[in-house]
Structure formats: C-alpha cells, structure tokens
C-alpha atoms as a PDB file:
ATOM      1  CA  MET A   1      82.983  32.093 147.426  1.00  0.00           C
ATOM      2  CA  PHE A   2      86.611  32.351 146.142  1.00  0.00           C
ATOM      3  CA  GLY A   3      89.286  34.748 145.229  1.00  0.00           C
ATOM      4  CA  ILE A   4      92.187  33.827 143.244  1.00  0.00           C
ATOM      5  CA  TYR A   5      95.432  35.360 142.528  1.00  0.00           C
ATOM      6  CA  ILE A   6      97.007  34.373 139.237  1.00  0.00           C
ATOM      7  CA  THR A   7     100.383  35.113 138.124  1.00  0.00           C
ATOM      8  CA  HIS A   8     101.460  35.296 134.220  1.00  0.00           C
ATOM      9  CA  PRO A   9     102.925  32.018 132.615  1.00  0.00           C
ATOM     10  CA  GLN A  10     106.096  32.109 130.711  1.00  0.00           C
ATOM     11  CA  VAL A  11     106.892  35.102 128.645  1.00  0.00           C
ATOM     12  CA  ARG A  12     109.301  36.256 125.898  1.00  0.00           C
ATOM     13  CA  ILE A  13     112.285  37.479 127.491  1.00  0.00           C
ATOM     14  CA  ASP A  14     113.939  40.400 125.618  1.00  0.00           C
ATOM     15  CA  ALA A  15     116.802  42.363 127.032  1.00  0.00           C
ATOM     16  CA  ASN A  16     115.949  45.120 124.765  1.00  0.00           C
ATOM     17  CA  VAL A  17     112.369  45.547 125.842  1.00  0.00           C
ATOM     18  CA  PRO A  18     111.227  47.038 129.072  1.00  0.00           C
ATOM     19  CA  VAL A  19     110.402  43.956 131.616  1.00  0.00           C
ATOM     20  CA  PRO A  20     106.743  45.782 131.835  1.00  0.00           C
ATOM     21  CA  LYS A  21     106.340  45.415 128.309  1.00  0.00           C
ATOM     22  CA  TRP A  22     107.214  41.749 127.764  1.00  0.00           C
ATOM     23  CA  GLY A  23     104.341  39.620 126.375  1.00  0.00           C
ATOM     24  CA  LEU A  24     103.579  35.857 126.746  1.00  0.00           C
ATOM     25  CA  SER A  25     105.644  33.186 125.017  1.00  0.00           C
ATOM     26  CA  ASP A  26     103.784  30.610 122.939  1.00  0.00           C
ATOM     27  CA  VAL A  27     104.154  28.385 125.781  1.00  0.00           C
ATOM     28  CA  GLY A  28     102.433  30.898 128.066  1.00  0.00           C
ATOM     29  CA  ALA A  29      99.769  31.819 126.091  1.00  0.00           C
ATOM     30  CA  ALA A  30      99.088  28.004 125.525  1.00  0.00           C
ATOM     31  CA  ARG A  31      98.904  27.216 129.181  1.00  0.00           C
ATOM     32  CA  ALA A  32      96.322  30.315 129.999  1.00  0.00           C
ATOM     33  CA  ARG A  33      94.083  28.951 127.208  1.00  0.00           C
ATOM     34  CA  LYS A  34      94.475  25.347 128.898  1.00  0.00           C
ATOM     35  CA  ALA A  35      93.419  26.930 132.167  1.00  0.00           C
ATOM     36  CA  THR A  36      90.177  28.158 130.626  1.00  0.00           C
ATOM     37  CA  GLU A  37      88.886  24.739 130.061  1.00  0.00           C
ATOM     38  CA  ASN A  38      88.667  24.359 133.779  1.00  0.00           C
ATOM     39  CA  GLY A  39      85.387  25.325 135.018  1.00  0.00           C
ATOM     40  CA  TRP A  40      86.816  28.171 137.557  1.00  0.00           C
ATOM     41  CA  ALA A  41      87.869  30.048 134.678  1.00  0.00           C
ATOM     42  CA  ARG A  42      84.239  30.575 133.493  1.00  0.00           C
ATOM     43  CA  GLN A  43      82.792  31.351 137.069  1.00  0.00           C
ATOM     44  CA  LEU A  44      85.055  34.479 136.947  1.00  0.00           C
ATOM     45  CA  GLN A  45      82.685  37.563 137.542  1.00  0.00           C
ATOM     46  CA  ARG A  46      85.412  40.021 137.688  1.00  0.00           C
ATOM     47  CA  ILE A  47      89.217  39.826 136.383  1.00  0.00           C
ATOM     48  CA  ILE A  48      91.401  42.406 137.753  1.00  0.00           C
ATOM     49  CA  SER A  49      94.749  42.909 136.154  1.00  0.00           C
ATOM     50  CA  SER A  50      98.137  44.561 136.450  1.00  0.00           C
ATOM     51  CA  ASP A  51      99.059  47.390 133.525  1.00  0.00           C
ATOM     52  CA  GLU A  52     102.053  45.070 132.447  1.00  0.00           C
ATOM     53  CA  THR A  53     101.714  43.342 128.974  1.00  0.00           C
ATOM     54  CA  LYS A  54     102.071  39.948 130.211  1.00  0.00           C
ATOM     55  CA  ALA A  55      99.266  40.108 132.891  1.00  0.00           C
ATOM     56  CA  ILE A  56      96.854  41.802 130.607  1.00  0.00           C
ATOM     57  CA  GLU A  57      97.559  39.124 128.114  1.00  0.00           C
ATOM     58  CA  THR A  58      96.874  36.550 130.641  1.00  0.00           C
ATOM     59  CA  ALA A  59      93.554  38.434 131.732  1.00  0.00           C
ATOM     60  CA  GLU A  60      92.503  38.702 128.306  1.00  0.00           C
ATOM     61  CA  ILE A  61      92.454  34.738 127.775  1.00  0.00           C
ATOM     62  CA  LEU A  62      90.568  34.179 130.960  1.00  0.00           C
ATOM     63  CA  ALA A  63      87.918  36.953 130.066  1.00  0.00           C
ATOM     64  CA  LYS A  64      87.072  35.233 126.612  1.00  0.00           C
ATOM     65  CA  ALA A  65      86.285  32.187 128.911  1.00  0.00           C
ATOM     66  CA  SER A  66      84.008  33.963 131.491  1.00  0.00           C
ATOM     67  CA  GLY A  67      82.638  36.769 129.188  1.00  0.00           C
ATOM     68  CA  VAL A  68      83.690  39.573 131.478  1.00  0.00           C
ATOM     69  CA  THR A  69      85.805  42.895 130.722  1.00  0.00           C
ATOM     70  CA  ILE A  70      89.144  43.183 132.486  1.00  0.00           C
ATOM     71  CA  GLU A  71      89.784  45.821 134.707  1.00  0.00           C
ATOM     72  CA  ILE A  72      93.397  47.333 135.190  1.00  0.00           C
ATOM     73  CA  VAL A  73      94.601  48.324 138.638  1.00  0.00           C
ATOM     74  CA  HIS A  74      98.182  50.088 138.539  1.00  0.00           C
ATOM     75  CA  GLY A  75      98.842  48.948 141.884  1.00  0.00           C
ATOM     76  CA  LEU A  76      99.207  45.333 141.269  1.00  0.00           C
ATOM     77  CA  HIS A  77     102.464  46.121 139.413  1.00  0.00           C
ATOM     78  CA  GLU A  78     105.596  43.665 140.081  1.00  0.00           C
ATOM     79  CA  ASN A  79     108.038  45.231 142.325  1.00  0.00           C
ATOM     80  CA  ASP A  80     109.959  48.123 140.870  1.00  0.00           C
ATOM     81  CA  ARG A  81     113.129  46.657 139.425  1.00  0.00           C
ATOM     82  CA  SER A  82     113.967  49.547 136.825  1.00  0.00           C
ATOM     83  CA  ALA A  83     117.268  50.525 138.955  1.00  0.00           C
ATOM     84  CA  THR A  84     119.147  47.543 137.713  1.00  0.00           C
ATOM     85  CA  GLY A  85     117.420  47.115 134.508  1.00  0.00           C
ATOM     86  CA  PHE A  86     117.486  43.561 132.768  1.00  0.00           C
ATOM     87  CA  LEU A  87     119.267  41.019 134.937  1.00  0.00           C
ATOM     88  CA  PRO A  88     120.221  37.621 133.374  1.00  0.00           C
ATOM     89  CA  PRO A  89     118.360  34.450 135.117  1.00  0.00           C
ATOM     90  CA  PRO A  90     121.215  33.528 137.610  1.00  0.00           C
ATOM     91  CA  GLN A  91     121.648  37.127 138.470  1.00  0.00           C
ATOM     92  CA  PHE A  92     117.826  37.817 138.855  1.00  0.00           C
ATOM     93  CA  GLU A  93     117.187  34.622 140.882  1.00  0.00           C
ATOM     94  CA  GLU A  94     120.331  36.095 143.376  1.00  0.00           C
ATOM     95  CA  ALA A  95     118.832  39.516 143.361  1.00  0.00           C
ATOM     96  CA  ALA A  96     115.153  37.981 144.135  1.00  0.00           C
ATOM     97  CA  ASP A  97     116.513  36.122 146.963  1.00  0.00           C
ATOM     98  CA  TRP A  98     117.837  39.125 148.478  1.00  0.00           C
ATOM     99  CA  PHE A  99     115.006  41.405 148.156  1.00  0.00           C
ATOM    100  CA  PHE A 100     112.949  38.486 149.949  1.00  0.00           C
ATOM    101  CA  ALA A 101     115.741  38.067 152.621  1.00  0.00           C
ATOM    102  CA  HIS A 102     115.964  41.886 153.414  1.00  0.00           C
ATOM    103  CA  PRO A 103     112.574  43.320 153.106  1.00  0.00           C
ATOM    104  CA  GLU A 104     113.070  46.579 154.478  1.00  0.00           C
ATOM    105  CA  GLN A 105     116.225  47.374 152.652  1.00  0.00           C
ATOM    106  CA  SER A 106     116.554  48.199 148.628  1.00  0.00           C
ATOM    107  CA  PHE A 107     118.428  45.938 146.578  1.00  0.00           C
ATOM    108  CA  LYS A 108     120.642  48.371 144.191  1.00  0.00           C
ATOM    109  CA  GLY A 109     117.519  50.830 143.793  1.00  0.00           C
ATOM    110  CA  TRP A 110     114.769  48.097 143.800  1.00  0.00           C
ATOM    111  CA  GLU A 111     111.327  48.933 145.473  1.00  0.00           C
ATOM    112  CA  ARG A 112     111.630  47.487 148.907  1.00  0.00           C
ATOM    113  CA  ALA A 113     109.616  44.356 149.587  1.00  0.00           C
ATOM    114  CA  VAL A 114     107.614  45.800 152.570  1.00  0.00           C
ATOM    115  CA  ASP A 115     106.742  48.919 150.334  1.00  0.00           C
ATOM    116  CA  ALA A 116     105.686  46.376 147.152  1.00  0.00           C
ATOM    117  CA  GLN A 117     103.471  44.434 149.920  1.00  0.00           C
ATOM    118  CA  ALA A 118     101.795  47.483 151.326  1.00  0.00           C
ATOM    119  CA  ARG A 119     100.924  48.457 147.834  1.00  0.00           C
ATOM    120  CA  ILE A 120      99.732  45.072 146.574  1.00  0.00           C
ATOM    121  CA  VAL A 121      97.732  44.610 149.927  1.00  0.00           C
ATOM    122  CA  GLU A 122      96.089  48.158 149.306  1.00  0.00           C
ATOM    123  CA  SER A 123      95.087  47.664 145.853  1.00  0.00           C
ATOM    124  CA  VAL A 124      93.653  44.355 146.367  1.00  0.00           C
ATOM    125  CA  ASN A 125      91.851  45.591 149.626  1.00  0.00           C
ATOM    126  CA  ALA A 126      90.459  48.666 147.902  1.00  0.00           C
ATOM    127  CA  VAL A 127      89.032  46.372 144.930  1.00  0.00           C
ATOM    128  CA  LEU A 128      87.567  43.930 147.574  1.00  0.00           C
ATOM    129  CA  ALA A 129      86.041  46.614 149.802  1.00  0.00           C
ATOM    130  CA  THR A 130      83.269  47.168 147.234  1.00  0.00           C
ATOM    131  CA  HIS A 131      83.144  43.859 145.452  1.00  0.00           C
ATOM    132  CA  ASP A 132      80.431  41.260 146.330  1.00  0.00           C
ATOM    133  CA  ALA A 133      81.815  38.837 148.209  1.00  0.00           C
ATOM    134  CA  THR A 134      79.583  36.436 146.506  1.00  0.00           C
ATOM    135  CA  ALA A 135      81.115  36.864 143.189  1.00  0.00           C
ATOM    136  CA  PRO A 136      84.456  34.809 142.064  1.00  0.00           C
ATOM    137  CA  ILE A 137      87.108  37.137 141.344  1.00  0.00           C
ATOM    138  CA  ALA A 138      90.839  36.895 139.814  1.00  0.00           C
ATOM    139  CA  PHE A 139      93.731  39.013 140.221  1.00  0.00           C
ATOM    140  CA  VAL A 140      96.108  38.666 137.459  1.00  0.00           C
ATOM    141  CA  GLY A 141      99.734  39.858 138.093  1.00  0.00           C
ATOM    142  CA  HIS A 142     103.244  38.661 138.902  1.00  0.00           C
ATOM    143  CA  GLY A 143     105.085  36.121 141.046  1.00  0.00           C
ATOM    144  CA  GLY A 144     106.960  38.672 143.529  1.00  0.00           C
ATOM    145  CA  VAL A 145     104.228  40.863 144.301  1.00  0.00           C
ATOM    146  CA  GLY A 146     101.927  37.770 144.489  1.00  0.00           C
ATOM    147  CA  THR A 147     104.145  36.133 146.938  1.00  0.00           C
ATOM    148  CA  LEU A 148     104.072  39.356 149.088  1.00  0.00           C
ATOM    149  CA  LEU A 149     100.343  39.307 148.915  1.00  0.00           C
ATOM    150  CA  LYS A 150     100.211  35.608 150.033  1.00  0.00           C
ATOM    151  CA  CYS A 151     102.589  36.301 152.841  1.00  0.00           C
ATOM    152  CA  HIS A 152     100.169  38.884 154.220  1.00  0.00           C
ATOM    153  CA  LEU A 153      97.074  36.630 153.711  1.00  0.00           C
ATOM    154  CA  ALA A 154      98.600  33.966 155.535  1.00  0.00           C
ATOM    155  CA  GLY A 155      99.794  36.103 158.491  1.00  0.00           C
ATOM    156  CA  ARG A 156     103.393  35.267 157.989  1.00  0.00           C
ATOM    157  CA  PRO A 157     106.643  37.246 157.474  1.00  0.00           C
ATOM    158  CA  ILE A 158     107.816  37.756 154.134  1.00  0.00           C
ATOM    159  CA  SER A 159     109.823  34.907 153.013  1.00  0.00           C
ATOM    160  CA  ARG A 160     110.651  33.640 149.498  1.00  0.00           C
ATOM    161  CA  ASP A 161     109.721  30.147 150.916  1.00  0.00           C
ATOM    162  CA  ARG A 162     106.227  31.328 150.115  1.00  0.00           C
ATOM    163  CA  ASP A 163     107.269  31.986 146.294  1.00  0.00           C
ATOM    164  CA  GLN A 164     105.624  30.249 143.277  1.00  0.00           C
ATOM    165  CA  PRO A 165     107.420  27.180 141.404  1.00  0.00           C
ATOM    166  CA  GLY A 166     109.769  28.294 138.687  1.00  0.00           C
ATOM    167  CA  GLY A 167     108.148  29.414 135.430  1.00  0.00           C
ATOM    168  CA  GLY A 168     105.074  31.300 136.383  1.00  0.00           C
ATOM    169  CA  GLY A 169     101.667  30.445 135.750  1.00  0.00           C
ATOM    170  CA  ASN A 170     100.624  29.527 139.113  1.00  0.00           C
ATOM    171  CA  LEU A 171      97.429  30.721 141.435  1.00  0.00           C
ATOM    172  CA  TYR A 172      96.382  30.471 144.874  1.00  0.00           C
ATOM    173  CA  ALA A 173      92.857  30.789 146.480  1.00  0.00           C
ATOM    174  CA  PHE A 174      91.384  32.624 149.490  1.00  0.00           C
ATOM    175  CA  GLY A 175      88.054  32.966 150.458  1.00  0.00           C
ATOM    176  CA  LEU A 176      86.401  36.497 150.200  1.00  0.00           C
ATOM    177  CA  ALA A 177      84.478  36.418 153.320  1.00  0.00           C
ATOM    178  CA  ASP A 178      87.418  35.581 155.471  1.00  0.00           C
ATOM    179  CA  ARG A 179      90.206  36.299 153.297  1.00  0.00           C
ATOM    180  CA  ARG A 180      92.253  33.220 154.193  1.00  0.00           C
ATOM    181  CA  LEU A 181      94.271  31.097 151.813  1.00  0.00           C
ATOM    182  CA  SER A 182      92.304  27.987 150.841  1.00  0.00           C
ATOM    183  CA  CYS A 183      94.876  26.611 148.596  1.00  0.00           C
ATOM    184  CA  ASP A 184      98.840  27.057 147.650  1.00  0.00           C
ATOM    185  CA  TRP A 185     100.461  27.511 144.672  1.00  0.00           C
ATOM    186  CA  THR A 186      98.786  25.353 141.904  1.00  0.00           C
ATOM    187  CA  PRO A 187      99.647  25.502 138.404  1.00  0.00           C
ATOM    188  CA  ILE A 188      96.653  27.522 136.355  1.00  0.00           C
ATOM    189  CA  GLU A 189      96.097  24.431 134.065  1.00  0.00           C
ATOM    190  CA  ASP A 190      95.696  22.056 137.058  1.00  0.00           C
ATOM    191  CA  TRP A 191      93.297  23.895 139.720  1.00  0.00           C
ATOM    192  CA  GLN A 192      90.009  22.394 139.760  1.00  0.00           C
ATOM    193  CA  GLY A 193      88.353  25.339 141.743  1.00  0.00           C
END
C-alpha cells in the first residue's frame, strides 16, 4: 500500500505576513481540488499535515474527498527560516541552493538541513510506527523538508537536485511496507496512484 508526501501548491505571498501563516492562492486551491478528482485522494485513510496554514488548507481539501479528519504533526513544518524573514524569490532561491549545498551549516541563522531532515524523518517514522501498513496515508507539508525526507527514503545525500519542480503542489509515493520510493515528484493533479 502507498504512502505519499504532498507539498502544498501555490500560496499567497505577503511580505507582511509570517511565512507559516501564508494560505493557498486561488491557483493553489484549484490545483488541490483538481487532485481530489483522482482515485488516490478518495482512498486515503489518514492525512497528516504540518501546522502551517498552506499545508492545513491543502490537507483539508483532500480530507473532503476522502472523508477523514486531518491530523496535525508539528514536526512536519518547513525548515525554520525565521532568522532572515521574508526573502524575495531570487534571494530565496540563492539561499535555498546554499541550504542544500551546506547541510551541516546554517544559512544566516536558518535551521540546518541535517537538523530539519532528522526532525521530519523522526516525525514521519513516529506516525508510521503505529500506522496500519495496509491503509493509504498522506503527509502534507513543504518542499524543503519534503526533499530532505525524499533524500532519506532514497538513501541519498542531501542535495537540491532531488527537489520538486517549481511552484509546489507535487507529490512522491513510497511503499508502506519497505519505505522505498515508488514514484518521483509528480504534480498532484497528474498522479494516478
């Protein structure tokens, strides 16, 4: 049976709002709704979300299709970048490149990649330790930590070349029995399960 890691789709960027409080844009919400038209969304028996608004909004849309209640797990949050605050997209991309290229160092006070990876791996493992491996489950979160989890599942070093395509709203799947990746990043509305 499958587990999937889903990243929230496009958000409303507002430099005056803390990043964890950003919500989905109209485009992002429409993409999440379109994803529910695929059979996999209705098969979900658990949906685990980070506590950030954009992830919760994505999880709630999926939950309407599957009829389950979302569960919030605080350890699934994005890497802590509060030390720098909002960075415009070009500077953010440069910072993210640095974050992945230097996983054991902090970019200007950001949470280190190795620490963020350890946190998300521990959080996902804690959920899966008591989860029925025959029940499809989705983890809804963020691109950075999702990539760190993907590197771990693949047994590969931390690297941005394993990151999702731009824009968010992608997923990858893994087997619940063996925790091996079964598909690479795929747009949420395109995956067929």
